[in-house]
Amino acid sequence: MPIWNPKEAAIHLTRNVSVQGRRTSMRLEQPFWDAFEEIVRREGISMNALVTRVWAASPDDVNLAGAIRVFVLGYFWALANGGRPRVPPGSTKP
């Protein structure tokens, strides 16, 4: 993961992802994209599969980008505190 740069951290990047097989776009700050890609690498899962899992596990009133940010924070918080990060199991949202 690159060293944090406050000027670049505020830049939002939009990428296309698939959630439950449906293509959509998601805007995140570059550090969140970098962190999410690191989780994908560590867990050996595709980005779209992880996006779908996080979305399926999130409350109905949370938007996709917010759900991903909270997941990324929780994942690395667990690592920083000596825990094992939890990745949501594969499922779908009704």
PDB file of N, CA and C in Angstrom:
ATOM      1  N   MET A   1       0.850  -1.168   0.000  1.00  0.00           N
ATOM      2  CA  MET A   1       0.000   0.000   0.000  1.00  0.00           C
ATOM      3  C   MET A   1       0.901   1.239   0.000  1.00  0.00           C
ATOM      4  N   PRO A   2       0.598   2.219  -0.843  1.00  0.00           N
ATOM      5  CA  PRO A   2       1.432   3.417  -0.920  1.00  0.00           C
ATOM      6  C   PRO A   2       1.375   4.221   0.378  1.00  0.00           C
ATOM      7  N   ILE A   3       2.388   5.053   0.554  1.00  0.00           N
ATOM      8  CA  ILE A   3       2.396   5.967   1.698  1.00  0.00           C
ATOM      9  C   ILE A   3       1.287   6.985   1.493  1.00  0.00           C
ATOM     10  N   TRP A   4       0.592   7.307   2.568  1.00  0.00           N
ATOM     11  CA  TRP A   4      -0.555   8.209   2.510  1.00  0.00           C
ATOM     12  C   TRP A   4      -0.123   9.615   2.149  1.00  0.00           C
ATOM     13  N   ASN A   5      -0.775  10.193   1.173  1.00  0.00           N
ATOM     14  CA  ASN A   5      -0.526  11.559   0.739  1.00  0.00           C
ATOM     15  C   ASN A   5      -1.830  12.328   0.875  1.00  0.00           C
ATOM     16  N   PRO A   6      -1.908  13.299   1.793  1.00  0.00           N
ATOM     17  CA  PRO A   6      -3.180  13.989   2.035  1.00  0.00           C
ATOM     18  C   PRO A   6      -3.775  14.678   0.807  1.00  0.00           C
ATOM     19  N   LYS A   7      -2.944  15.161  -0.104  1.00  0.00           N
ATOM     20  CA  LYS A   7      -3.475  15.815  -1.299  1.00  0.00           C
ATOM     21  C   LYS A   7      -4.150  14.814  -2.223  1.00  0.00           C
ATOM     22  N   GLU A   8      -3.565  13.643  -2.349  1.00  0.00           N
ATOM     23  CA  GLU A   8      -4.134  12.626  -3.216  1.00  0.00           C
ATOM     24  C   GLU A   8      -5.262  11.852  -2.536  1.00  0.00           C
ATOM     25  N   ALA A   9      -5.249  11.823  -1.211  1.00  0.00           N
ATOM     26  CA  ALA A   9      -6.249  11.042  -0.466  1.00  0.00           C
ATOM     27  C   ALA A   9      -7.659  11.565  -0.676  1.00  0.00           C
ATOM     28  N   ALA A  10      -7.796  12.836  -0.959  1.00  0.00           N
ATOM     29  CA  ALA A  10      -9.125  13.428  -1.115  1.00  0.00           C
ATOM     30  C   ALA A  10      -9.712  13.200  -2.505  1.00  0.00           C
ATOM     31  N   ILE A  11      -8.925  12.694  -3.421  1.00  0.00           N
ATOM     32  CA  ILE A  11      -9.400  12.470  -4.784  1.00  0.00           C
ATOM     33  C   ILE A  11     -10.253  11.208  -4.822  1.00  0.00           C
ATOM     34  N   HIS A  12     -11.457  11.359  -5.348  1.00  0.00           N
ATOM     35  CA  HIS A  12     -12.353  10.216  -5.501  1.00  0.00           C
ATOM     36  C   HIS A  12     -12.161   9.607  -6.881  1.00  0.00           C
ATOM     37  N   LEU A  13     -12.082   8.290  -6.921  1.00  0.00           N
ATOM     38  CA  LEU A  13     -11.984   7.579  -8.183  1.00  0.00           C
ATOM     39  C   LEU A  13     -13.221   6.713  -8.355  1.00  0.00           C
ATOM     40  N   THR A  14     -13.768   6.718  -9.545  1.00  0.00           N
ATOM     41  CA  THR A  14     -14.938   5.902  -9.843  1.00  0.00           C
ATOM     42  C   THR A  14     -14.484   4.678 -10.622  1.00  0.00           C
ATOM     43  N   ARG A  15     -14.960   3.518 -10.170  1.00  0.00           N
ATOM     44  CA  ARG A  15     -14.665   2.259 -10.860  1.00  0.00           C
ATOM     45  C   ARG A  15     -15.949   1.473 -11.027  1.00  0.00           C
ATOM     46  N   ASN A  16     -15.964   0.667 -12.061  1.00  0.00           N
ATOM     47  CA  ASN A  16     -17.099  -0.219 -12.277  1.00  0.00           C
ATOM     48  C   ASN A  16     -16.874  -1.515 -11.510  1.00  0.00           C
ATOM     49  N   VAL A  17     -17.914  -1.952 -10.824  1.00  0.00           N
ATOM     50  CA  VAL A  17     -17.889  -3.222 -10.097  1.00  0.00           C
ATOM     51  C   VAL A  17     -19.201  -3.938 -10.373  1.00  0.00           C
ATOM     52  N   SER A  18     -19.224  -5.220 -10.055  1.00  0.00           N
ATOM     53  CA  SER A  18     -20.459  -5.992 -10.178  1.00  0.00           C
ATOM     54  C   SER A  18     -20.914  -6.408  -8.798  1.00  0.00           C
ATOM     55  N   VAL A  19     -22.193  -6.179  -8.513  1.00  0.00           N
ATOM     56  CA  VAL A  19     -22.804  -6.576  -7.250  1.00  0.00           C
ATOM     57  C   VAL A  19     -23.914  -7.559  -7.593  1.00  0.00           C
ATOM     58  N   GLN A  20     -23.752  -8.785  -7.151  1.00  0.00           N
ATOM     59  CA  GLN A  20     -24.717  -9.840  -7.459  1.00  0.00           C
ATOM     60  C   GLN A  20     -24.964  -9.937  -8.963  1.00  0.00           C
ATOM     61  N   GLY A  21     -23.874  -9.794  -9.729  1.00  0.00           N
ATOM     62  CA  GLY A  21     -23.964  -9.913 -11.177  1.00  0.00           C
ATOM     63  C   GLY A  21     -24.448  -8.674 -11.907  1.00  0.00           C
ATOM     64  N   ARG A  22     -24.737  -7.609 -11.170  1.00  0.00           N
ATOM     65  CA  ARG A  22     -25.197  -6.356 -11.800  1.00  0.00           C
ATOM     66  C   ARG A  22     -24.068  -5.329 -11.773  1.00  0.00           C
ATOM     67  N   ARG A  23     -23.800  -4.763 -12.921  1.00  0.00           N
ATOM     68  CA  ARG A  23     -22.728  -3.777 -13.022  1.00  0.00           C
ATOM     69  C   ARG A  23     -23.193  -2.447 -12.452  1.00  0.00           C
ATOM     70  N   THR A  24     -22.314  -1.832 -11.662  1.00  0.00           N
ATOM     71  CA  THR A  24     -22.593  -0.519 -11.102  1.00  0.00           C
ATOM     72  C   THR A  24     -21.271   0.210 -10.935  1.00  0.00           C
ATOM     73  N   SER A  25     -21.323   1.484 -10.624  1.00  0.00           N
ATOM     74  CA  SER A  25     -20.093   2.234 -10.383  1.00  0.00           C
ATOM     75  C   SER A  25     -20.024   2.596  -8.905  1.00  0.00           C
ATOM     76  N   MET A  26     -18.804   2.738  -8.433  1.00  0.00           N
ATOM     77  CA  MET A  26     -18.587   3.063  -7.031  1.00  0.00           C
ATOM     78  C   MET A  26     -17.456   4.078  -6.952  1.00  0.00           C
ATOM     79  N   ARG A  27     -17.665   5.124  -6.134  1.00  0.00           N
ATOM     80  CA  ARG A  27     -16.654   6.164  -5.935  1.00  0.00           C
ATOM     81  C   ARG A  27     -16.045   6.011  -4.556  1.00  0.00           C
ATOM     82  N   LEU A  28     -14.719   5.881  -4.528  1.00  0.00           N
ATOM     83  CA  LEU A  28     -13.975   5.822  -3.274  1.00  0.00           C
ATOM     84  C   LEU A  28     -12.716   6.668  -3.407  1.00  0.00           C
ATOM     85  N   GLU A  29     -12.191   7.095  -2.290  1.00  0.00           N
ATOM     86  CA  GLU A  29     -10.899   7.762  -2.263  1.00  0.00           C
ATOM     87  C   GLU A  29      -9.822   6.724  -2.586  1.00  0.00           C
ATOM     88  N   GLN A  30      -8.721   7.199  -3.185  1.00  0.00           N
ATOM     89  CA  GLN A  30      -7.645   6.295  -3.597  1.00  0.00           C
ATOM     90  C   GLN A  30      -7.150   5.396  -2.457  1.00  0.00           C
ATOM     91  N   PRO A  31      -6.950   5.912  -1.227  1.00  0.00           N
ATOM     92  CA  PRO A  31      -6.484   5.006  -0.168  1.00  0.00           C
ATOM     93  C   PRO A  31      -7.457   3.854   0.114  1.00  0.00           C
ATOM     94  N   PHE A  32      -8.758   4.088  -0.036  1.00  0.00           N
ATOM     95  CA  PHE A  32      -9.715   3.000   0.163  1.00  0.00           C
ATOM     96  C   PHE A  32      -9.645   1.984  -0.964  1.00  0.00           C
ATOM     97  N   TRP A  33      -9.449   2.446  -2.207  1.00  0.00           N
ATOM     98  CA  TRP A  33      -9.266   1.504  -3.307  1.00  0.00           C
ATOM     99  C   TRP A  33      -8.010   0.662  -3.083  1.00  0.00           C
ATOM    100  N   ASP A  34      -6.926   1.325  -2.669  1.00  0.00           N
ATOM    101  CA  ASP A  34      -5.675   0.597  -2.418  1.00  0.00           C
ATOM    102  C   ASP A  34      -5.867  -0.451  -1.331  1.00  0.00           C
ATOM    103  N   ALA A  35      -6.528  -0.059  -0.246  1.00  0.00           N
ATOM    104  CA  ALA A  35      -6.748  -0.980   0.876  1.00  0.00           C
ATOM    105  C   ALA A  35      -7.662  -2.132   0.462  1.00  0.00           C
ATOM    106  N   PHE A  36      -8.711  -1.828  -0.299  1.00  0.00           N
ATOM    107  CA  PHE A  36      -9.639  -2.868  -0.739  1.00  0.00           C
ATOM    108  C   PHE A  36      -8.923  -3.875  -1.649  1.00  0.00           C
ATOM    109  N   GLU A  37      -8.076  -3.370  -2.543  1.00  0.00           N
ATOM    110  CA  GLU A  37      -7.303  -4.257  -3.414  1.00  0.00           C
ATOM    111  C   GLU A  37      -6.344  -5.133  -2.602  1.00  0.00           C
ATOM    112  N   GLU A  38      -5.792  -4.599  -1.519  1.00  0.00           N
ATOM    113  CA  GLU A  38      -4.920  -5.395  -0.649  1.00  0.00           C
ATOM    114  C   GLU A  38      -5.709  -6.513   0.026  1.00  0.00           C
ATOM    115  N   ILE A  39      -6.928  -6.225   0.445  1.00  0.00           N
ATOM    116  CA  ILE A  39      -7.778  -7.260   1.054  1.00  0.00           C
ATOM    117  C   ILE A  39      -8.090  -8.345   0.031  1.00  0.00           C
ATOM    118  N   VAL A  40      -8.424  -7.951  -1.182  1.00  0.00           N
ATOM    119  CA  VAL A  40      -8.697  -8.908  -2.264  1.00  0.00           C
ATOM    120  C   VAL A  40      -7.496  -9.822  -2.461  1.00  0.00           C
ATOM    121  N   ARG A  41      -6.305  -9.236  -2.469  1.00  0.00           N
ATOM    122  CA  ARG A  41      -5.078 -10.016  -2.641  1.00  0.00           C
ATOM    123  C   ARG A  41      -4.869 -10.974  -1.470  1.00  0.00           C
ATOM    124  N   ARG A  42      -5.017 -10.464  -0.252  1.00  0.00           N
ATOM    125  CA  ARG A  42      -4.800 -11.293   0.949  1.00  0.00           C
ATOM    126  C   ARG A  42      -5.789 -12.447   1.033  1.00  0.00           C
ATOM    127  N   GLU A  43      -7.032 -12.190   0.655  1.00  0.00           N
ATOM    128  CA  GLU A  43      -8.089 -13.186   0.813  1.00  0.00           C
ATOM    129  C   GLU A  43      -8.226 -14.115  -0.388  1.00  0.00           C
ATOM    130  N   GLY A  44      -7.558 -13.772  -1.495  1.00  0.00           N
ATOM    131  CA  GLY A  44      -7.614 -14.626  -2.676  1.00  0.00           C
ATOM    132  C   GLY A  44      -9.011 -14.712  -3.274  1.00  0.00           C
ATOM    133  N   ILE A  45      -9.681 -13.585  -3.338  1.00  0.00           N
ATOM    134  CA  ILE A  45     -11.050 -13.517  -3.844  1.00  0.00           C
ATOM    135  C   ILE A  45     -11.116 -12.388  -4.864  1.00  0.00           C
ATOM    136  N   SER A  46     -12.028 -12.474  -5.813  1.00  0.00           N
ATOM    137  CA  SER A  46     -12.136 -11.397  -6.800  1.00  0.00           C
ATOM    138  C   SER A  46     -12.756 -10.158  -6.161  1.00  0.00           C
ATOM    139  N   MET A  47     -12.456  -9.022  -6.750  1.00  0.00           N
ATOM    140  CA  MET A  47     -13.014  -7.773  -6.237  1.00  0.00           C
ATOM    141  C   MET A  47     -14.543  -7.806  -6.277  1.00  0.00           C
ATOM    142  N   ASN A  48     -15.106  -8.288  -7.385  1.00  0.00           N
ATOM    143  CA  ASN A  48     -16.565  -8.315  -7.501  1.00  0.00           C
ATOM    144  C   ASN A  48     -17.204  -9.254  -6.485  1.00  0.00           C
ATOM    145  N   ALA A  49     -16.547 -10.377  -6.220  1.00  0.00           N
ATOM    146  CA  ALA A  49     -17.081 -11.303  -5.213  1.00  0.00           C
ATOM    147  C   ALA A  49     -17.052 -10.673  -3.832  1.00  0.00           C
ATOM    148  N   LEU A  50     -15.972  -9.967  -3.510  1.00  0.00           N
ATOM    149  CA  LEU A  50     -15.899  -9.335  -2.194  1.00  0.00           C
ATOM    150  C   LEU A  50     -16.876  -8.173  -2.079  1.00  0.00           C
ATOM    151  N   VAL A  51     -17.025  -7.387  -3.129  1.00  0.00           N
ATOM    152  CA  VAL A  51     -18.019  -6.308  -3.117  1.00  0.00           C
ATOM    153  C   VAL A  51     -19.404  -6.895  -2.857  1.00  0.00           C
ATOM    154  N   THR A  52     -19.736  -7.986  -3.528  1.00  0.00           N
ATOM    155  CA  THR A  52     -21.046  -8.619  -3.348  1.00  0.00           C
ATOM    156  C   THR A  52     -21.216  -9.112  -1.917  1.00  0.00           C
ATOM    157  N   ARG A  53     -20.191  -9.715  -1.353  1.00  0.00           N
ATOM    158  CA  ARG A  53     -20.283 -10.211   0.027  1.00  0.00           C
ATOM    159  C   ARG A  53     -20.476  -9.075   1.028  1.00  0.00           C
ATOM    160  N   VAL A  54     -19.704  -8.007   0.859  1.00  0.00           N
ATOM    161  CA  VAL A  54     -19.832  -6.863   1.768  1.00  0.00           C
ATOM    162  C   VAL A  54     -21.220  -6.253   1.636  1.00  0.00           C
ATOM    163  N   TRP A  55     -21.705  -6.096   0.418  1.00  0.00           N
ATOM    164  CA  TRP A  55     -23.024  -5.520   0.184  1.00  0.00           C
ATOM    165  C   TRP A  55     -24.112  -6.394   0.798  1.00  0.00           C
ATOM    166  N   ALA A  56     -24.004  -7.691   0.634  1.00  0.00           N
ATOM    167  CA  ALA A  56     -25.009  -8.611   1.175  1.00  0.00           C
ATOM    168  C   ALA A  56     -25.051  -8.566   2.697  1.00  0.00           C
ATOM    169  N   ALA A  57     -23.907  -8.304   3.327  1.00  0.00           N
ATOM    170  CA  ALA A  57     -23.835  -8.281   4.791  1.00  0.00           C
ATOM    171  C   ALA A  57     -24.163  -6.918   5.385  1.00  0.00           C
ATOM    172  N   SER A  58     -24.325  -5.908   4.548  1.00  0.00           N
ATOM    173  CA  SER A  58     -24.547  -4.550   5.065  1.00  0.00           C
ATOM    174  C   SER A  58     -26.034  -4.281   5.292  1.00  0.00           C
ATOM    175  N   PRO A  59     -26.334  -3.365   6.220  1.00  0.00           N
ATOM    176  CA  PRO A  59     -27.732  -2.986   6.440  1.00  0.00           C
ATOM    177  C   PRO A  59     -28.337  -2.361   5.182  1.00  0.00           C
ATOM    178  N   ASP A  60     -29.634  -2.455   5.047  1.00  0.00           N
ATOM    179  CA  ASP A  60     -30.310  -1.944   3.848  1.00  0.00           C
ATOM    180  C   ASP A  60     -30.183  -0.434   3.669  1.00  0.00           C
ATOM    181  N   ASP A  61     -29.979   0.304   4.758  1.00  0.00           N
ATOM    182  CA  ASP A  61     -29.934   1.762   4.654  1.00  0.00           C
ATOM    183  C   ASP A  61     -28.523   2.326   4.446  1.00  0.00           C
ATOM    184  N   VAL A  62     -27.569   1.463   4.108  1.00  0.00           N
ATOM    185  CA  VAL A  62     -26.186   1.893   3.888  1.00  0.00           C
ATOM    186  C   VAL A  62     -25.884   1.814   2.395  1.00  0.00           C
ATOM    187  N   ASN A  63     -25.241   2.866   1.865  1.00  0.00           N
ATOM    188  CA  ASN A  63     -24.887   2.810   0.444  1.00  0.00           C
ATOM    189  C   ASN A  63     -23.635   1.952   0.253  1.00  0.00           C
ATOM    190  N   LEU A  64     -23.408   1.549  -0.968  1.00  0.00           N
ATOM    191  CA  LEU A  64     -22.329   0.615  -1.273  1.00  0.00           C
ATOM    192  C   LEU A  64     -20.961   1.166  -0.887  1.00  0.00           C
ATOM    193  N   ALA A  65     -20.654   2.387  -1.256  1.00  0.00           N
ATOM    194  CA  ALA A  65     -19.338   2.957  -0.941  1.00  0.00           C
ATOM    195  C   ALA A  65     -19.134   3.044   0.567  1.00  0.00           C
ATOM    196  N   GLY A  66     -20.161   3.433   1.294  1.00  0.00           N
ATOM    197  CA  GLY A  66     -20.065   3.495   2.755  1.00  0.00           C
ATOM    198  C   GLY A  66     -19.827   2.126   3.359  1.00  0.00           C
ATOM    199  N   ALA A  67     -20.507   1.111   2.830  1.00  0.00           N
ATOM    200  CA  ALA A  67     -20.332  -0.251   3.324  1.00  0.00           C
ATOM    201  C   ALA A  67     -18.893  -0.726   3.088  1.00  0.00           C
ATOM    202  N   ILE A  68     -18.338  -0.400   1.936  1.00  0.00           N
ATOM    203  CA  ILE A  68     -16.960  -0.802   1.627  1.00  0.00           C
ATOM    204  C   ILE A  68     -15.985  -0.076   2.548  1.00  0.00           C
ATOM    205  N   ARG A  69     -16.186   1.230   2.777  1.00  0.00           N
ATOM    206  CA  ARG A  69     -15.286   1.979   3.664  1.00  0.00           C
ATOM    207  C   ARG A  69     -15.283   1.392   5.074  1.00  0.00           C
ATOM    208  N   VAL A  70     -16.468   1.095   5.608  1.00  0.00           N
ATOM    209  CA  VAL A  70     -16.562   0.536   6.956  1.00  0.00           C
ATOM    210  C   VAL A  70     -15.915  -0.847   7.004  1.00  0.00           C
ATOM    211  N   PHE A  71     -16.132  -1.656   5.974  1.00  0.00           N
ATOM    212  CA  PHE A  71     -15.509  -2.975   5.920  1.00  0.00           C
ATOM    213  C   PHE A  71     -13.988  -2.865   5.920  1.00  0.00           C
ATOM    214  N   VAL A  72     -13.437  -1.988   5.066  1.00  0.00           N
ATOM    215  CA  VAL A  72     -11.985  -1.807   4.979  1.00  0.00           C
ATOM    216  C   VAL A  72     -11.430  -1.372   6.334  1.00  0.00           C
ATOM    217  N   LEU A  73     -12.076  -0.419   6.964  1.00  0.00           N
ATOM    218  CA  LEU A  73     -11.632   0.053   8.273  1.00  0.00           C
ATOM    219  C   LEU A  73     -11.640  -1.088   9.289  1.00  0.00           C
ATOM    220  N   GLY A  74     -12.720  -1.849   9.330  1.00  0.00           N
ATOM    221  CA  GLY A  74     -12.827  -2.961  10.264  1.00  0.00           C
ATOM    222  C   GLY A  74     -11.797  -4.042  10.011  1.00  0.00           C
ATOM    223  N   TYR A  75     -11.523  -4.320   8.753  1.00  0.00           N
ATOM    224  CA  TYR A  75     -10.549  -5.351   8.384  1.00  0.00           C
ATOM    225  C   TYR A  75      -9.171  -4.991   8.929  1.00  0.00           C
ATOM    226  N   PHE A  76      -8.729  -3.772   8.630  1.00  0.00           N
ATOM    227  CA  PHE A  76      -7.390  -3.380   9.061  1.00  0.00           C
ATOM    228  C   PHE A  76      -7.328  -3.047  10.551  1.00  0.00           C
ATOM    229  N   TRP A  77      -8.438  -2.652  11.144  1.00  0.00           N
ATOM    230  CA  TRP A  77      -8.503  -2.449  12.592  1.00  0.00           C
ATOM    231  C   TRP A  77      -8.239  -3.790  13.291  1.00  0.00           C
ATOM    232  N   ALA A  78      -8.865  -4.841  12.799  1.00  0.00           N
ATOM    233  CA  ALA A  78      -8.656  -6.168  13.382  1.00  0.00           C
ATOM    234  C   ALA A  78      -7.194  -6.582  13.264  1.00  0.00           C
ATOM    235  N   LEU A  79      -6.591  -6.378  12.097  1.00  0.00           N
ATOM    236  CA  LEU A  79      -5.178  -6.726  11.921  1.00  0.00           C
ATOM    237  C   LEU A  79      -4.284  -5.926  12.864  1.00  0.00           C
ATOM    238  N   ALA A  80      -4.548  -4.638  12.987  1.00  0.00           N
ATOM    239  CA  ALA A  80      -3.728  -3.771  13.834  1.00  0.00           C
ATOM    240  C   ALA A  80      -3.825  -4.151  15.301  1.00  0.00           C
ATOM    241  N   ASN A  81      -4.922  -4.779  15.687  1.00  0.00           N
ATOM    242  CA  ASN A  81      -5.131  -5.152  17.081  1.00  0.00           C
ATOM    243  C   ASN A  81      -4.918  -6.640  17.333  1.00  0.00           C
ATOM    244  N   GLY A  82      -4.218  -7.301  16.427  1.00  0.00           N
ATOM    245  CA  GLY A  82      -3.849  -8.696  16.615  1.00  0.00           C
ATOM    246  C   GLY A  82      -4.963  -9.692  16.362  1.00  0.00           C
ATOM    247  N   GLY A  83      -6.040  -9.240  15.771  1.00  0.00           N
ATOM    248  CA  GLY A  83      -7.156 -10.138  15.486  1.00  0.00           C
ATOM    249  C   GLY A  83      -7.124 -10.674  14.078  1.00  0.00           C
ATOM    250  N   ARG A  84      -8.068 -11.525  13.779  1.00  0.00           N
ATOM    251  CA  ARG A  84      -8.232 -12.060  12.422  1.00  0.00           C
ATOM    252  C   ARG A  84      -9.406 -11.327  11.784  1.00  0.00           C
ATOM    253  N   PRO A  85      -9.160 -10.610  10.718  1.00  0.00           N
ATOM    254  CA  PRO A  85     -10.257  -9.897  10.046  1.00  0.00           C
ATOM    255  C   PRO A  85     -11.324 -10.871   9.562  1.00  0.00           C
ATOM    256  N   ARG A  86     -12.562 -10.423   9.599  1.00  0.00           N
ATOM    257  CA  ARG A  86     -13.677 -11.255   9.141  1.00  0.00           C
ATOM    258  C   ARG A  86     -14.147 -10.778   7.780  1.00  0.00           C
ATOM    259  N   VAL A  87     -14.183 -11.712   6.856  1.00  0.00           N
ATOM    260  CA  VAL A  87     -14.732 -11.442   5.532  1.00  0.00           C
ATOM    261  C   VAL A  87     -16.120 -12.064   5.514  1.00  0.00           C
ATOM    262  N   PRO A  88     -17.141 -11.300   5.086  1.00  0.00           N
ATOM    263  CA  PRO A  88     -18.484 -11.859   5.063  1.00  0.00           C
ATOM    264  C   PRO A  88     -18.554 -13.115   4.196  1.00  0.00           C
ATOM    265  N   PRO A  89     -19.357 -14.079   4.605  1.00  0.00           N
ATOM    266  CA  PRO A  89     -19.498 -15.295   3.796  1.00  0.00           C
ATOM    267  C   PRO A  89     -20.198 -14.990   2.478  1.00  0.00           C
ATOM    268  N   GLY A  90     -20.041 -15.859   1.521  1.00  0.00           N
ATOM    269  CA  GLY A  90     -20.704 -15.678   0.228  1.00  0.00           C
ATOM    270  C   GLY A  90     -22.198 -15.836   0.369  1.00  0.00           C
ATOM    271  N   SER A  91     -22.932 -14.810   0.025  1.00  0.00           N
ATOM    272  CA  SER A  91     -24.397 -14.850   0.046  1.00  0.00           C
ATOM    273  C   SER A  91     -24.914 -13.697  -0.791  1.00  0.00           C
ATOM    274  N   THR A  92     -26.198 -13.591  -0.901  1.00  0.00           N
ATOM    275  CA  THR A  92     -26.806 -12.514  -1.658  1.00  0.00           C
ATOM    276  C   THR A  92     -27.842 -11.805  -0.813  1.00  0.00           C
ATOM    277  N   LYS A  93     -28.133 -10.592  -1.193  1.00  0.00           N
ATOM    278  CA  LYS A  93     -29.151  -9.793  -0.521  1.00  0.00           C
ATOM    279  C   LYS A  93     -30.457 -10.019  -1.251  1.00  0.00           C
ATOM    280  N   PRO A  94     -31.553 -10.200  -0.524  1.00  0.00           N
ATOM    281  CA  PRO A  94     -32.840 -10.425  -1.218  1.00  0.00           C
ATOM    282  C   PRO A  94     -33.264  -9.202  -2.007  1.00  0.00           C
TER     283      PRO A  94
END
